[in-house]
Amino acid sequence: MKYSLSEEQKILVDLVTQIGEEYIKPYALKWDEEEVFDEKPIRALADADLFGIIIPKEYGGLGWGSFEMCLAVEKLSYYCAGVTTTYAATFLGSYPIILFGNEEQKKKYLPEIARGKMICAFALTEPQAGSDAFAIKTIAKKEGDFYILNGMKHFITNGGIADIYIVVAMTDPAKGARGASAFIVEKNDPGFSVGKKEKKLGLRASVTTELFFNDCKIPKDRLLGKEGMGFIVALRTLDFGRCGVGAQALGIAQAAMEISLKHANSRIQFGQPIYNFQAVSHTFAEMAIKLEAARALVYNATKYIDSGAKDITGISSIVKCFTSDVAMWITERAIQMMGGFGYMRDYPVQKYFRDAKCLQIYEGTNEIQRNIIARELIKYYK
């Protein structure tokens, strides 16, 4: 299907395509196999000003919205979802500053993020606090003009390569969910360190690590919003970020469908391309149906978000849940359509399959998304 993109949006897609062809496509399988983060595509994205997509113009960004962000993420994921994860995680770390930062914080950080000079990370998850985010134990204690952080985070995308980290910590554990606050931690802050790099099933071109805070001392002006707003910052950020996961799903699924379809049309069995067999061609028809439904959902949802709508929690969860399930189904079917070739690591479809699996897990598992959707749904039908 063709979508009505503006000339600027078409240029954006063409620019990301050019970067993908030159800086990612020749190396994606190698990076995946060797579990290597390579900064060259990230530098190329920075040089093209593509880190500034969602940054307001007054802070040096392009002033676009979720729709344009998802266009870039979708196309980049077509080439490598691991590289995209590094890129998209900076948006996830930018949203708290855009949404909740004061003027001084915005002026200090957003121009540098827009220029690609500061990579971001979003640090919420802890060993005992995954789906149950309210179970975090990292503590932030105010002492004079500083906060002292103690605790740890894990499974943090961009750990060790990020310049700033949005960290949610408890400032008043007695208040439960209302006792959490959000902070900006810089990579060189005393008492902050990075732990082991995780060995992952997929998204291997991105870096995921533990973070440690051992009497980590940060100025009090690094508090985002007010004390007690930590989970509001986190949940609102995820409302915006989950459509980015949907865009990743589109790029992965598109790539998997294309490569497996080309294989099916060239693989001769029983005297004809296997695509000619109805069981095979109908599988591809189903792929196309699911993929275009997912794309329409992402595009419509992001345009709704960009309209300034406030009730975006339900739709962002629907996007994340539906599209990641679609990507998982398409990549699994793509392997099946390629048979033994799909199972071999010399071919990228197995990478798409492994990459897609994480989309059903991070930024809130799809089981949690269904909880959120059900909770939001009942508000309209009481």
Protein backbone atom coordinates (compact mmCIF):
# COMPACT_ATOMS: atom_id res chain seq x y z
CA MET A 1 0.00 0.00 0.00
CA LYS A 2 1.06 3.60 -0.60
CA TYR A 3 0.82 6.15 2.16
CA SER A 4 0.51 9.89 1.61
CA LEU A 5 3.81 11.25 2.86
CA SER A 6 4.84 14.87 2.58
CA GLU A 7 7.93 15.74 0.56
CA GLU A 8 9.90 16.22 3.80
CA GLN A 9 8.80 12.82 5.05
CA LYS A 10 9.80 11.18 1.76
CA ILE A 11 13.21 12.83 2.03
CA LEU A 12 13.51 11.49 5.59
CA VAL A 13 12.78 7.92 4.44
CA ASP A 14 15.20 8.25 1.51
CA LEU A 15 17.93 9.57 3.82
CA VAL A 16 17.54 6.70 6.27
CA THR A 17 17.51 4.26 3.34
CA GLN A 18 20.79 5.70 2.09
CA ILE A 19 22.37 5.31 5.54
CA GLY A 20 21.02 1.78 5.83
CA GLU A 21 22.39 0.73 2.44
CA GLU A 22 25.84 2.23 3.02
CA TYR A 23 26.50 1.88 6.73
CA ILE A 24 24.42 -1.10 7.86
CA LYS A 25 23.43 -3.59 5.17
CA PRO A 26 26.98 -4.86 4.40
CA TYR A 27 27.76 -5.43 8.08
CA ALA A 28 24.53 -6.36 9.87
CA LEU A 29 25.05 -10.13 9.91
CA LYS A 30 28.68 -9.71 11.02
CA TRP A 31 27.72 -7.42 13.89
CA ASP A 32 25.03 -9.86 14.95
CA GLU A 33 27.34 -12.87 14.79
CA GLU A 34 30.13 -11.12 16.70
CA GLU A 35 27.79 -9.19 19.05
CA VAL A 36 29.48 -5.94 18.12
CA PHE A 37 28.26 -2.39 18.59
CA ASP A 38 29.66 -0.24 15.80
CA GLU A 39 29.27 3.51 16.15
CA LYS A 40 29.63 4.33 12.43
CA PRO A 41 25.90 4.13 11.58
CA ILE A 42 25.11 6.11 14.74
CA ARG A 43 27.57 8.80 13.66
CA ALA A 44 25.99 8.82 10.21
CA LEU A 45 22.54 9.32 11.74
CA ALA A 46 23.93 12.12 13.90
CA ASP A 47 25.60 13.82 10.93
CA ALA A 48 22.24 13.73 9.14
CA ASP A 49 20.57 15.45 12.14
CA LEU A 50 18.30 12.45 12.63
CA PHE A 51 18.66 12.46 16.40
CA GLY A 52 16.77 15.73 16.38
CA ILE A 53 13.51 14.37 14.93
CA ILE A 54 11.44 14.77 18.11
CA ILE A 55 13.47 17.61 19.65
CA PRO A 56 11.61 20.96 19.44
CA LYS A 57 13.09 23.49 17.04
CA GLU A 58 13.80 25.97 19.82
CA TYR A 59 16.32 23.46 21.22
CA GLY A 60 18.03 22.71 17.92
CA GLY A 61 15.85 19.84 16.74
CA LEU A 62 13.69 19.27 13.69
CA GLY A 63 10.48 19.70 15.65
CA TRP A 64 8.74 16.68 14.15
CA GLY A 65 6.67 14.13 16.01
CA SER A 66 6.03 10.47 16.67
CA PHE A 67 5.00 9.79 13.09
CA GLU A 68 8.31 10.94 11.61
CA MET A 69 10.22 9.20 14.38
CA CYS A 70 8.45 5.95 13.49
CA LEU A 71 9.13 6.40 9.79
CA ALA A 72 12.86 6.60 10.55
CA VAL A 73 12.78 3.70 13.02
CA GLU A 74 10.78 1.50 10.63
CA LYS A 75 13.18 1.99 7.74
CA LEU A 76 16.27 1.62 9.93
CA SER A 77 14.90 -1.62 11.39
CA TYR A 78 14.57 -2.99 7.87
CA TYR A 79 18.38 -3.03 7.84
CA CYS A 80 19.16 -3.91 11.46
CA ALA A 81 16.91 -3.73 14.51
CA GLY A 82 19.98 -3.85 16.75
CA VAL A 83 21.35 -0.60 15.37
CA THR A 84 17.84 0.83 15.58
CA THR A 85 17.60 -0.09 19.25
CA THR A 86 20.60 2.11 20.04
CA TYR A 87 19.04 4.94 18.05
CA ALA A 88 15.51 4.55 19.41
CA ALA A 89 16.68 4.26 23.04
CA THR A 90 17.98 7.81 22.76
CA PHE A 91 14.42 8.93 21.94
CA LEU A 92 13.23 6.99 24.99
CA GLY A 93 15.77 8.87 27.10
CA SER A 94 14.85 12.20 25.48
CA TYR A 95 11.12 12.08 26.12
CA PRO A 96 11.41 12.58 29.92
CA ILE A 97 13.38 15.77 29.37
CA ILE A 98 11.03 17.00 26.63
CA LEU A 99 7.92 16.19 28.68
CA PHE A 100 9.05 16.96 32.23
CA GLY A 101 12.33 18.89 32.08
CA ASN A 102 12.55 22.50 33.21
CA GLU A 103 13.88 25.18 30.91
CA GLU A 104 17.45 24.92 32.21
CA GLN A 105 17.50 21.15 31.72
CA LYS A 106 16.08 21.43 28.21
CA LYS A 107 18.62 24.07 27.21
CA LYS A 108 21.49 22.03 28.62
CA TYR A 109 20.67 18.61 27.17
CA LEU A 110 18.29 18.78 24.21
CA PRO A 111 20.56 20.66 21.77
CA GLU A 112 23.34 18.14 22.40
CA ILE A 113 20.94 15.23 21.95
CA ALA A 114 19.61 16.76 18.73
CA ARG A 115 23.15 16.98 17.35
CA GLY A 116 23.84 13.36 18.25
CA LYS A 117 26.51 14.47 20.70
CA MET A 118 24.71 12.87 23.65
CA ILE A 119 23.37 9.32 23.51
CA CYS A 120 20.63 8.58 26.04
CA ALA A 121 19.45 5.62 28.09
CA PHE A 122 16.30 5.00 30.10
CA ALA A 123 16.92 3.12 33.35
CA LEU A 124 13.87 1.71 35.11
CA THR A 125 14.26 -2.09 35.23
CA GLU A 126 15.88 -3.86 38.18
CA PRO A 127 16.38 -7.59 38.91
CA GLN A 128 13.18 -7.75 41.00
CA ALA A 129 11.36 -4.99 39.11
CA GLY A 130 10.49 -5.91 35.55
CA SER A 131 6.78 -6.13 34.83
CA ASP A 132 6.30 -5.01 38.43
CA ALA A 133 8.04 -1.68 37.93
CA PHE A 134 6.79 -0.41 41.29
CA ALA A 135 9.13 -2.89 43.02
CA ILE A 136 12.29 -0.85 42.34
CA LYS A 137 14.73 -0.60 45.22
CA THR A 138 17.26 1.96 44.01
CA ILE A 139 17.28 4.79 46.56
CA ALA A 140 17.91 8.50 46.08
CA LYS A 141 18.50 10.43 49.31
CA LYS A 142 18.68 14.21 49.35
CA GLU A 143 21.68 15.68 51.16
CA GLY A 144 21.94 19.45 50.90
CA ASP A 145 22.33 20.46 47.28
CA PHE A 146 22.77 16.88 46.07
CA TYR A 147 21.02 13.53 45.76
CA ILE A 148 22.89 10.36 46.66
CA LEU A 149 21.84 7.30 44.66
CA ASN A 150 22.40 3.71 45.74
CA GLY A 151 21.23 0.60 43.94
CA MET A 152 21.38 -1.04 40.54
CA LYS A 153 19.56 -1.35 37.23
CA HIS A 154 19.76 -4.14 34.69
CA PHE A 155 18.84 -4.90 31.08
CA ILE A 156 19.55 -1.24 30.25
CA THR A 157 19.88 -0.47 26.54
CA ASN A 158 22.85 1.79 25.72
CA GLY A 159 24.46 1.07 29.09
CA GLY A 160 28.09 2.14 28.92
CA ILE A 161 27.76 4.03 25.64
CA ALA A 162 25.17 6.58 26.76
CA ASP A 163 26.18 10.02 27.95
CA ILE A 164 23.06 10.60 30.07
CA TYR A 165 20.75 8.20 31.86
CA ILE A 166 17.20 8.82 33.02
CA VAL A 167 17.07 6.93 36.31
CA VAL A 168 13.99 6.23 38.41
CA ALA A 169 14.75 5.82 42.11
CA MET A 170 12.85 5.88 45.40
CA THR A 171 13.08 9.16 47.31
CA ASP A 172 10.43 8.10 49.86
CA PRO A 173 9.92 4.32 49.94
CA ALA A 174 7.17 4.67 52.55
CA LYS A 175 4.93 6.28 49.92
CA GLY A 176 5.15 3.32 47.56
CA ALA A 177 4.51 4.24 43.93
CA ARG A 178 4.21 7.92 44.89
CA GLY A 179 7.64 7.85 46.47
CA ALA A 180 9.65 7.45 43.26
CA SER A 181 11.46 10.26 41.46
CA ALA A 182 13.28 10.59 38.14
CA PHE A 183 16.81 11.93 37.73
CA ILE A 184 19.31 12.76 35.02
CA VAL A 185 22.58 10.94 35.66
CA GLU A 186 25.65 11.74 33.58
CA LYS A 187 28.18 9.08 32.62
CA ASN A 188 31.04 10.62 34.63
CA ASP A 189 29.12 11.21 37.86
CA PRO A 190 31.05 9.93 40.89
CA GLY A 191 29.75 6.62 42.19
CA PHE A 192 28.18 5.60 38.87
CA SER A 193 29.54 2.55 37.04
CA VAL A 194 28.54 0.12 34.32
CA GLY A 195 28.36 -3.63 34.86
CA LYS A 196 28.54 -6.59 32.53
CA LYS A 197 27.41 -6.53 28.92
CA GLU A 198 24.56 -8.98 28.43
CA LYS A 199 24.75 -11.78 25.84
CA LYS A 200 21.41 -11.65 24.05
CA LEU A 201 19.34 -13.84 21.77
CA GLY A 202 18.84 -10.96 19.33
CA LEU A 203 19.39 -7.22 18.88
CA ARG A 204 23.07 -8.04 19.31
CA ALA A 205 24.36 -4.91 17.60
CA SER A 206 23.04 -2.92 20.56
CA VAL A 207 24.59 -2.82 24.02
CA THR A 208 22.62 -3.93 27.10
CA THR A 209 24.23 -3.76 30.55
CA GLU A 210 23.82 -3.43 34.28
CA LEU A 211 24.21 -0.05 35.98
CA PHE A 212 25.50 0.45 39.51
CA PHE A 213 25.03 3.42 41.84
CA ASN A 214 27.35 3.38 44.83
CA ASP A 215 26.87 6.67 46.71
CA CYS A 216 26.42 8.26 43.28
CA LYS A 217 26.33 12.01 43.88
CA ILE A 218 24.35 14.25 41.53
CA PRO A 219 23.27 17.89 41.85
CA LYS A 220 19.70 18.45 43.01
CA ASP A 221 18.91 20.32 39.78
CA ARG A 222 19.04 16.98 37.95
CA LEU A 223 15.65 16.04 39.42
CA LEU A 224 13.02 15.80 36.66
CA GLY A 225 9.76 17.44 37.64
CA LYS A 226 9.14 17.06 41.37
CA GLU A 227 9.84 14.40 43.94
CA GLY A 228 7.24 11.67 43.76
CA MET A 229 6.72 12.01 40.00
CA GLY A 230 9.09 9.21 39.02
CA PHE A 231 6.53 6.69 37.86
CA ILE A 232 4.47 9.38 36.13
CA VAL A 233 7.62 10.28 34.17
CA ALA A 234 8.32 6.62 33.41
CA LEU A 235 4.81 5.62 32.36
CA ARG A 236 4.24 8.70 30.23
CA THR A 237 7.59 8.14 28.54
CA LEU A 238 6.62 4.56 27.73
CA ASP A 239 3.30 5.76 26.31
CA PHE A 240 5.27 7.67 23.70
CA GLY A 241 8.03 5.10 23.25
CA ARG A 242 5.92 2.04 22.56
CA CYS A 243 4.96 3.20 19.07
CA GLY A 244 8.69 3.09 18.32
CA VAL A 245 8.62 -0.62 19.14
CA GLY A 246 5.75 -0.92 16.67
CA ALA A 247 7.86 0.77 14.01
CA GLN A 248 10.71 -1.64 14.69
CA ALA A 249 8.28 -4.51 14.19
CA LEU A 250 7.26 -3.13 10.80
CA GLY A 251 10.84 -2.90 9.55
CA ILE A 252 11.77 -6.39 10.73
CA ALA A 253 8.61 -7.96 9.32
CA GLN A 254 8.97 -6.19 5.97
CA ALA A 255 12.55 -7.42 5.58
CA ALA A 256 11.64 -10.99 6.56
CA MET A 257 8.70 -11.11 4.16
CA GLU A 258 10.71 -9.76 1.25
CA ILE A 259 13.69 -12.07 1.55
CA SER A 260 11.57 -15.18 2.07
CA LEU A 261 9.24 -14.26 -0.81
CA LYS A 262 12.17 -13.79 -3.19
CA HIS A 263 13.50 -17.17 -2.09
CA ALA A 264 10.12 -18.83 -2.63
CA ASN A 265 9.88 -17.36 -6.13
CA SER A 266 13.33 -18.64 -7.12
CA ARG A 267 13.43 -21.99 -5.30
CA ILE A 268 12.44 -24.71 -7.77
CA GLN A 269 10.84 -27.88 -6.43
CA PHE A 270 8.72 -30.35 -8.37
CA GLY A 271 9.49 -28.39 -11.52
CA GLN A 272 8.21 -24.98 -10.42
CA PRO A 273 8.86 -22.16 -7.92
CA ILE A 274 7.50 -23.12 -4.52
CA TYR A 275 5.65 -19.79 -4.48
CA ASN A 276 3.26 -21.33 -7.02
CA PHE A 277 1.98 -23.79 -4.45
CA GLN A 278 -1.16 -22.44 -2.84
CA ALA A 279 -0.09 -23.25 0.73
CA VAL A 280 3.00 -21.11 0.19
CA SER A 281 1.41 -18.21 -1.69
CA HIS A 282 -1.43 -18.00 0.82
CA THR A 283 1.12 -17.75 3.62
CA PHE A 284 2.63 -14.71 1.92
CA ALA A 285 -0.82 -13.25 1.37
CA GLU A 286 -1.44 -13.58 5.11
CA MET A 287 1.91 -11.93 5.81
CA ALA A 288 0.94 -8.97 3.63
CA ILE A 289 -2.48 -8.66 5.31
CA LYS A 290 -1.01 -8.64 8.81
CA LEU A 291 1.85 -6.33 7.89
CA GLU A 292 -0.34 -3.70 6.24
CA ALA A 293 -2.80 -3.83 9.13
CA ALA A 294 0.10 -3.30 11.54
CA ARG A 295 1.49 -0.42 9.47
CA ALA A 296 -1.88 1.31 9.27
CA LEU A 297 -2.22 0.97 13.05
CA VAL A 298 1.22 2.47 13.74
CA TYR A 299 0.74 5.35 11.32
CA ASN A 300 -2.76 6.17 12.55
CA ALA A 301 -1.76 5.95 16.22
CA THR A 302 1.28 8.18 15.84
CA LYS A 303 -0.73 10.80 13.97
CA TYR A 304 -3.25 10.69 16.81
CA ILE A 305 -0.43 11.20 19.32
CA ASP A 306 0.97 14.08 17.28
CA SER A 307 -2.45 15.75 17.30
CA GLY A 308 -1.84 16.49 20.98
CA ALA A 309 -4.20 13.83 22.30
CA LYS A 310 -3.80 12.99 25.98
CA ASP A 311 -5.44 9.56 26.09
CA ILE A 312 -2.64 7.69 24.35
CA THR A 313 -1.92 4.92 26.88
CA GLY A 314 -4.37 2.41 25.41
CA ILE A 315 -3.53 2.98 21.76
CA SER A 316 0.23 2.86 22.35
CA SER A 317 -0.18 -0.49 24.14
CA ILE A 318 -2.34 -1.80 21.29
CA VAL A 319 0.33 -0.76 18.81
CA LYS A 320 3.15 -2.40 20.74
CA CYS A 321 1.27 -5.61 21.40
CA PHE A 322 -0.26 -6.16 17.97
CA THR A 323 2.75 -5.22 15.85
CA SER A 324 5.28 -7.23 17.85
CA ASP A 325 3.03 -10.29 17.67
CA VAL A 326 2.73 -9.74 13.90
CA ALA A 327 6.52 -9.45 13.53
CA MET A 328 7.00 -12.66 15.49
CA TRP A 329 4.47 -14.51 13.33
CA ILE A 330 5.88 -13.21 10.03
CA THR A 331 9.50 -13.97 10.90
CA GLU A 332 8.63 -17.50 12.04
CA ARG A 333 6.68 -18.11 8.83
CA ALA A 334 9.54 -16.61 6.80
CA ILE A 335 11.91 -19.22 8.21
CA GLN A 336 9.41 -21.96 7.39
CA MET A 337 8.99 -20.70 3.82
CA MET A 338 12.77 -20.87 3.32
CA GLY A 339 13.07 -24.32 4.87
CA GLY A 340 16.64 -25.28 5.72
CA PHE A 341 17.98 -22.06 4.25
CA GLY A 342 15.92 -20.07 6.74
CA TYR A 343 17.46 -22.01 9.60
CA MET A 344 21.04 -21.27 8.53
CA ARG A 345 22.93 -18.38 10.07
CA ASP A 346 24.33 -17.40 6.67
CA TYR A 347 20.88 -16.01 5.88
CA PRO A 348 19.38 -13.01 7.68
CA VAL A 349 15.85 -14.34 8.24
CA GLN A 350 16.92 -16.18 11.40
CA LYS A 351 18.27 -12.86 12.70
CA TYR A 352 14.93 -11.18 12.06
CA PHE A 353 13.24 -13.96 14.03
CA ARG A 354 15.54 -13.52 17.02
CA ASP A 355 15.29 -9.73 16.90
CA ALA A 356 11.50 -9.83 16.72
CA LYS A 357 11.22 -11.88 19.90
CA CYS A 358 12.53 -9.08 22.08
CA LEU A 359 9.81 -6.74 20.84
CA GLN A 360 7.25 -8.87 22.66
CA ILE A 361 9.22 -8.40 25.89
CA TYR A 362 10.88 -5.02 26.29
CA GLU A 363 9.07 -1.77 27.12
CA GLY A 364 6.47 -3.90 28.86
CA THR A 365 5.71 -7.51 27.97
CA ASN A 366 2.73 -8.16 25.75
CA GLU A 367 0.97 -9.77 28.70
CA ILE A 368 1.30 -6.47 30.56
CA GLN A 369 0.12 -4.60 27.45
CA ARG A 370 -3.07 -6.65 27.46
CA ASN A 371 -3.59 -5.72 31.11
CA ILE A 372 -3.19 -2.04 30.21
CA ILE A 373 -5.52 -2.33 27.21
CA ALA A 374 -8.19 -4.03 29.30
CA ARG A 375 -7.85 -1.38 32.03
CA GLU A 376 -8.14 1.47 29.52
CA LEU A 377 -11.02 -0.21 27.68
CA ILE A 378 -13.28 -0.46 30.70
CA LYS A 379 -13.05 3.32 31.21
CA TYR A 380 -15.18 3.80 28.11
CA TYR A 381 -17.80 1.15 28.88
CA LYS A 382 -18.56 1.47 32.59
